[in-house]
Amino acid sequence: MKEAFFPAFMNSYFIALGVLLGGALVGGLSAFFTGQPPITTVARLSENLRIWAIVAAIGGTFDAVYSFERGIFNGETKDILKQVLLILAALGGAQTGSTLIHWLTQENITP
């Protein structure tokens, strides 16, 4: 069953946000248990998890590629625009999560 666009758009944003925040915070908890610096680990993980948060939010790469293929070869340009907007929502969610983590940790780490 196809989901309406606006709920899918919102889901994409918040899934990326949740994956990034959850992954970084749980990784920081594991760093605490293993004697590593948790705040530094959380900041590093927020940078490294961005791409995975985006991929998780858009539902894997094959659906996106199929939508682009259908848009290009079948002339359904509306599908291309929808997929681009879903990817942008996922990018926004990942960026929001990363920004929140950096505000909370105040770390300036270059990977």
Protein backbone atom coordinates (compact mmCIF):
# COMPACT_ATOMS: atom_id res chain seq x y z
CA MET A 1 0.00 0.00 0.00
CA LYS A 2 1.38 3.37 -1.04
CA GLU A 3 1.75 5.98 1.68
CA ALA A 4 0.59 9.54 1.05
CA PHE A 5 3.38 11.98 0.30
CA PHE A 6 3.21 14.33 3.30
CA PRO A 7 3.27 11.55 5.93
CA ALA A 8 6.16 9.91 4.04
CA PHE A 9 7.94 13.29 3.98
CA MET A 10 7.53 13.72 7.74
CA ASN A 11 8.51 10.09 8.40
CA SER A 12 11.66 10.53 6.35
CA TYR A 13 12.70 13.58 8.40
CA PHE A 14 12.02 12.06 11.79
CA ILE A 15 13.44 8.62 10.98
CA ALA A 16 16.75 10.23 9.99
CA LEU A 17 16.65 12.38 13.13
CA GLY A 18 15.90 9.37 15.34
CA VAL A 19 18.55 7.13 13.80
CA LEU A 20 21.21 9.78 14.27
CA LEU A 21 20.26 10.77 17.81
CA GLY A 22 19.63 7.21 18.97
CA GLY A 23 22.77 5.79 17.40
CA ALA A 24 25.01 8.52 18.77
CA LEU A 25 23.55 8.42 22.28
CA VAL A 26 23.59 4.63 22.57
CA GLY A 27 27.14 4.65 21.19
CA GLY A 28 28.06 7.16 23.89
CA LEU A 29 26.57 4.86 26.50
CA SER A 30 28.69 1.98 25.23
CA ALA A 31 31.75 4.25 25.32
CA PHE A 32 30.99 5.04 28.95
CA PHE A 33 30.80 1.33 29.81
CA THR A 34 34.10 0.59 28.07
CA GLY A 35 36.04 3.48 29.64
CA GLN A 36 36.19 5.69 26.52
CA PRO A 37 35.28 9.41 26.61
CA PRO A 38 31.49 9.39 26.02
CA ILE A 39 31.02 13.02 24.91
CA THR A 40 33.77 12.77 22.31
CA THR A 41 32.39 9.45 21.10
CA VAL A 42 28.88 10.89 20.75
CA ALA A 43 30.22 13.81 18.70
CA ARG A 44 32.22 11.50 16.41
CA LEU A 45 29.33 9.10 15.95
CA SER A 46 26.98 11.93 14.99
CA GLU A 47 29.29 12.72 12.08
CA ASN A 48 29.78 9.09 11.04
CA LEU A 49 26.12 8.06 11.24
CA ARG A 50 24.76 10.76 8.93
CA ILE A 51 24.81 8.76 5.72
CA TRP A 52 23.30 5.71 7.44
CA ALA A 53 20.51 7.83 8.88
CA ILE A 54 19.70 9.12 5.40
CA VAL A 55 19.72 5.62 3.88
CA ALA A 56 17.51 4.29 6.67
CA ALA A 57 15.07 7.17 6.25
CA ILE A 58 14.57 6.73 2.52
CA GLY A 59 14.09 2.99 2.91
CA GLY A 60 17.24 1.76 1.27
CA THR A 61 18.74 2.75 -2.03
CA PHE A 62 16.81 0.44 -4.37
CA ASP A 63 13.46 2.17 -3.87
CA ALA A 64 15.04 5.53 -4.67
CA VAL A 65 16.75 4.16 -7.78
CA TYR A 66 13.51 2.52 -8.94
CA SER A 67 11.61 5.80 -8.51
CA PHE A 68 14.24 7.67 -10.53
CA GLU A 69 14.14 4.98 -13.21
CA ARG A 70 10.36 5.13 -13.42
CA GLY A 71 10.50 8.93 -13.60
CA ILE A 72 13.10 9.01 -16.35
CA PHE A 73 12.03 6.11 -18.56
CA ASN A 74 8.25 6.26 -18.07
CA GLY A 75 8.02 10.05 -18.08
CA GLU A 76 6.65 10.26 -14.53
CA THR A 77 8.44 13.40 -13.43
CA LYS A 78 6.26 13.71 -10.35
CA ASP A 79 7.96 10.59 -8.92
CA ILE A 80 11.40 12.15 -9.39
CA LEU A 81 10.33 15.32 -7.58
CA LYS A 82 8.79 13.33 -4.72
CA GLN A 83 11.91 11.22 -4.31
CA VAL A 84 14.16 14.30 -4.32
CA LEU A 85 11.98 15.90 -1.64
CA LEU A 86 12.09 12.72 0.48
CA ILE A 87 15.88 12.67 0.23
CA LEU A 88 16.03 16.35 1.18
CA ALA A 89 13.80 15.66 4.20
CA ALA A 90 16.16 12.85 5.26
CA LEU A 91 19.14 15.18 4.80
CA GLY A 92 17.38 17.78 6.93
CA GLY A 93 16.65 15.27 9.68
CA ALA A 94 20.24 14.07 9.76
CA GLN A 95 21.54 17.64 9.79
CA THR A 96 19.16 18.59 12.61
CA GLY A 97 20.29 15.62 14.68
CA SER A 98 23.94 16.38 14.07
CA THR A 99 23.44 20.04 14.98
CA LEU A 100 21.63 19.10 18.20
CA ILE A 101 24.42 16.73 19.18
CA HIS A 102 27.05 19.40 18.52
CA TRP A 103 25.09 21.97 20.52
CA LEU A 104 24.82 19.58 23.44
CA THR A 105 28.39 18.30 23.38
CA GLN A 106 30.19 21.52 22.37
CA GLU A 107 32.87 19.38 20.69
CA ASN A 108 34.89 20.62 17.76
CA ILE A 109 36.24 17.37 16.41
CA THR A 110 37.55 16.89 12.92
CA PRO A 111 37.35 13.22 11.89
